[in-house]
Amino acid sequence: MDVYVTLGADDSIVATETMTGTAILVLNGKPVRTPLTPLAGGILSGDTRLAVPEGVKGAVQLTGPDGAMFRAKF
């Protein structure tokens, strides 16, 4: 699973190399927490070790190098 982090109306790529994150997906009716590892190009990536169906519900929580937190639901 990849999370692309952008900012603003022009979708500027955000540097994620110093961020940490967690994705929480609802799979088979249960929450599955997946740590996200920073990659280059504004991407954080994690492995759920399960098939992720289209239209899955969940949330991501990201923490920046200054400790600021950002949460988003989908």
Protein backbone atom coordinates (compact mmCIF):
# COMPACT_ATOMS: atom_id res chain seq x y z
CA MET A 1 0.00 0.00 0.00
CA ASP A 2 1.36 3.41 -0.95
CA VAL A 3 0.28 6.78 0.46
CA TYR A 4 1.10 9.81 -1.68
CA VAL A 5 1.48 13.03 0.33
CA THR A 6 0.75 16.29 -1.48
CA LEU A 7 -0.09 19.81 -0.38
CA GLY A 8 -2.30 22.58 -1.73
CA ALA A 9 -4.40 23.06 -4.82
CA ASP A 10 -1.44 22.31 -7.08
CA ASP A 11 -0.72 18.96 -5.33
CA SER A 12 2.91 19.88 -4.54
CA ILE A 13 4.86 16.81 -3.39
CA VAL A 14 5.76 16.84 0.30
CA ALA A 15 9.13 15.43 1.41
CA THR A 16 8.31 12.30 3.43
CA GLU A 17 11.82 11.05 4.19
CA THR A 18 11.61 12.19 7.83
CA MET A 19 7.93 11.31 8.41
CA THR A 20 6.45 8.30 10.15
CA GLY A 21 2.98 6.97 9.65
CA THR A 22 0.37 4.31 10.22
CA ALA A 23 -2.51 3.20 8.03
CA ILE A 24 -5.58 1.67 9.63
CA LEU A 25 -7.73 -0.27 7.18
CA VAL A 26 -10.97 -2.12 7.85
CA LEU A 27 -10.44 -5.55 6.29
CA ASN A 28 -12.89 -8.41 6.77
CA GLY A 29 -14.70 -6.29 9.37
CA LYS A 30 -11.61 -5.82 11.55
CA PRO A 31 -9.13 -2.92 11.83
CA VAL A 32 -5.67 -3.73 10.48
CA ARG A 33 -2.81 -1.39 11.49
CA THR A 34 0.08 -1.11 9.04
CA PRO A 35 3.25 0.92 9.70
CA LEU A 36 4.22 3.20 6.82
CA THR A 37 7.86 3.60 5.78
CA PRO A 38 9.00 6.78 3.99
CA LEU A 39 10.19 6.56 0.40
CA ALA A 40 11.41 9.29 -1.93
CA GLY A 41 8.99 11.36 -3.97
CA GLY A 42 6.35 12.07 -1.33
CA ILE A 43 5.42 8.43 -0.73
CA LEU A 44 5.01 6.35 2.42
CA SER A 45 4.58 2.62 1.92
CA GLY A 46 3.40 -0.33 3.99
CA ASP A 47 2.51 -4.00 3.59
CA THR A 48 -0.87 -5.14 4.91
CA ARG A 49 -0.03 -8.78 4.13
CA LEU A 50 -3.69 -9.08 3.10
CA ALA A 51 -5.52 -8.37 -0.13
CA VAL A 52 -6.96 -4.84 -0.06
CA PRO A 53 -10.27 -4.64 -1.92
CA GLU A 54 -11.29 -1.66 -4.01
CA GLY A 55 -13.25 0.89 -1.98
CA VAL A 56 -11.72 -0.12 1.36
CA LYS A 57 -12.45 2.21 4.31
CA GLY A 58 -9.72 3.42 6.64
CA ALA A 59 -7.49 6.23 7.83
CA VAL A 60 -3.85 7.30 7.82
CA GLN A 61 -1.98 9.09 10.57
CA LEU A 62 1.28 10.84 9.69
CA THR A 63 3.81 12.48 12.00
CA GLY A 64 6.26 15.06 10.69
CA PRO A 65 9.83 15.62 11.93
CA ASP A 66 8.58 18.42 14.22
CA GLY A 67 6.05 16.12 15.88
CA ALA A 68 3.04 17.66 14.11
CA MET A 69 0.37 15.07 13.32
CA PHE A 70 -1.95 14.84 10.33
CA ARG A 71 -4.90 12.47 10.00
CA ALA A 72 -7.07 11.67 7.02
CA LYS A 73 -9.98 9.28 6.51
CA PHE A 74 -10.96 7.58 3.29
